[in-house]
């Protein structure tokens, strides 16, 4: 990712509602979520949501597809990961694991042991 692209992406995320929308869509996964459901979940008026989704789309952080009458928005995970990589590219050169993204650490973490009391 180039510096100008990173600035555009960060600018798009630097607003409360847009950040909430983006985080909701990250949780929704690759299937995405219809605009109406986003508006309901976050209690955002449709015109306001449309503006924020347009800003995220303009920054290439989300994509949109039509399914019947619904517009389905989804995070562009490659773009999101590119932004994260850009931000951490030179992080902690002497101690790289300190800057490793949280998701990667969680995947490698050993499962917690379940006690006999927890199983019942």
Protein backbone atom coordinates (compact mmCIF):
# COMPACT_ATOMS: atom_id res chain seq x y z
CA UNK A 1 0.00 0.00 0.00
CA UNK A 2 1.22 3.45 -0.87
CA UNK A 3 1.32 6.28 1.63
CA UNK A 4 -1.50 8.22 -0.08
CA UNK A 5 -3.75 5.14 0.03
CA UNK A 6 -3.01 4.65 3.72
CA UNK A 7 -3.83 8.29 4.46
CA UNK A 8 -7.16 7.96 2.58
CA UNK A 9 -8.05 4.77 4.46
CA UNK A 10 -7.13 6.24 7.84
CA UNK A 11 -9.08 9.41 7.06
CA UNK A 12 -12.14 7.32 6.21
CA UNK A 13 -11.87 5.47 9.52
CA UNK A 14 -11.28 8.65 11.54
CA UNK A 15 -14.97 9.21 12.26
CA UNK A 16 -17.07 7.50 14.96
CA UNK A 17 -19.88 6.18 12.76
CA UNK A 18 -17.59 5.01 9.97
CA UNK A 19 -15.34 3.21 12.42
CA UNK A 20 -18.41 1.52 13.95
CA UNK A 21 -19.65 0.49 10.51
CA UNK A 22 -16.25 -0.86 9.52
CA UNK A 23 -15.88 -2.87 12.74
CA UNK A 24 -19.39 -4.29 12.34
CA UNK A 25 -18.59 -5.35 8.79
CA UNK A 26 -15.31 -6.93 9.90
CA UNK A 27 -17.32 -9.07 12.34
CA UNK A 28 -19.88 -9.90 9.62
CA UNK A 29 -17.20 -11.67 7.57
CA UNK A 30 -16.85 -12.08 3.84
CA UNK A 31 -20.62 -12.48 3.34
CA UNK A 32 -21.09 -8.85 4.36
CA UNK A 33 -24.29 -7.26 5.54
CA UNK A 34 -27.20 -5.44 3.91
CA UNK A 35 -27.25 -1.68 4.39
CA UNK A 36 -30.63 -1.85 6.15
CA UNK A 37 -29.30 -4.26 8.77
CA UNK A 38 -26.23 -2.06 9.33
CA UNK A 39 -28.54 0.91 9.90
CA UNK A 40 -30.65 -1.08 12.37
CA UNK A 41 -27.71 -2.53 14.29
CA UNK A 42 -25.97 0.81 14.69
CA UNK A 43 -29.09 2.99 14.87
CA UNK A 44 -27.93 5.23 12.03
CA UNK A 45 -30.39 6.97 9.70
CA UNK A 46 -30.27 5.62 6.13
CA UNK A 47 -29.10 8.87 4.48
CA UNK A 48 -26.34 9.24 7.06
CA UNK A 49 -25.31 5.61 6.66
CA UNK A 50 -25.22 5.99 2.87
CA UNK A 51 -22.81 8.89 3.23
CA UNK A 52 -20.52 6.93 5.56
CA UNK A 53 -20.60 3.80 3.40
CA UNK A 54 -19.70 5.92 0.37
CA UNK A 55 -16.68 7.29 2.24
CA UNK A 56 -15.52 3.78 3.17
CA UNK A 57 -16.08 2.60 -0.40
CA UNK A 58 -14.19 5.59 -1.80
CA UNK A 59 -11.23 4.60 0.39
CA UNK A 60 -11.56 1.04 -1.00
CA UNK A 61 -12.11 -0.38 2.50
CA UNK A 62 -15.49 -1.88 1.62
CA UNK A 63 -17.09 -3.31 -1.48
CA UNK A 64 -20.75 -3.37 -2.40
CA UNK A 65 -22.80 -5.84 -4.40
CA UNK A 66 -26.46 -5.98 -5.27
CA UNK A 67 -28.59 -8.95 -4.25
CA UNK A 68 -32.10 -8.38 -5.48
CA UNK A 69 -33.15 -5.05 -4.02
CA UNK A 70 -30.51 -5.10 -1.28
CA UNK A 71 -27.05 -3.57 -1.31
CA UNK A 72 -24.64 -5.83 0.56
CA UNK A 73 -21.50 -4.23 1.97
CA UNK A 74 -18.41 -6.20 2.90
CA UNK A 75 -14.93 -5.35 4.10
CA UNK A 76 -12.11 -5.68 1.62
CA UNK A 77 -9.91 -7.81 3.84
CA UNK A 78 -6.92 -7.61 1.51
CA UNK A 79 -7.09 -3.82 1.72
CA UNK A 80 -7.55 -3.91 5.50
CA UNK A 81 -4.56 -6.22 5.88
CA UNK A 82 -2.55 -4.02 3.52
CA UNK A 83 -3.26 -1.05 5.78
CA UNK A 84 -2.22 -3.03 8.85
CA UNK A 85 0.96 -4.12 7.09
CA UNK A 86 1.71 -0.54 6.05
CA UNK A 87 1.28 0.64 9.64
CA UNK A 88 3.48 -2.07 11.13
CA UNK A 89 6.02 -2.42 8.30
CA UNK A 90 8.94 -0.99 10.26
CA UNK A 91 7.60 -1.72 13.71
CA UNK A 92 9.99 -2.79 16.41
CA UNK A 93 12.77 -3.88 14.08
CA UNK A 94 14.69 -5.22 17.07
CA UNK A 95 11.70 -7.00 18.59
CA UNK A 96 9.19 -7.84 15.81
CA UNK A 97 6.86 -10.08 17.90
CA UNK A 98 5.83 -7.03 19.94
CA UNK A 99 4.12 -5.60 16.85
CA UNK A 100 2.59 -8.80 15.55
CA UNK A 101 -1.14 -8.32 14.88
CA UNK A 102 -3.43 -9.58 17.63
CA UNK A 103 -5.35 -11.94 15.34
CA UNK A 104 -2.18 -13.82 14.41
CA UNK A 105 -1.27 -14.19 18.09
CA UNK A 106 -4.73 -15.52 18.92
CA UNK A 107 -4.56 -18.15 16.18
CA UNK A 108 -1.28 -19.53 17.48
CA UNK A 109 -2.25 -19.43 21.14
CA UNK A 110 -2.73 -22.84 22.71
CA UNK A 111 -6.30 -23.69 23.66
CA UNK A 112 -7.13 -23.23 27.32
CA UNK A 113 -7.44 -26.37 29.40
CA UNK A 114 -10.96 -27.09 30.52
CA UNK A 115 -11.33 -28.28 34.07
CA UNK A 116 -13.70 -31.11 34.97
CA UNK A 117 -15.93 -28.58 36.75
CA UNK A 118 -16.29 -26.46 33.57
CA UNK A 119 -17.29 -29.46 31.44
CA UNK A 120 -20.46 -30.15 33.44
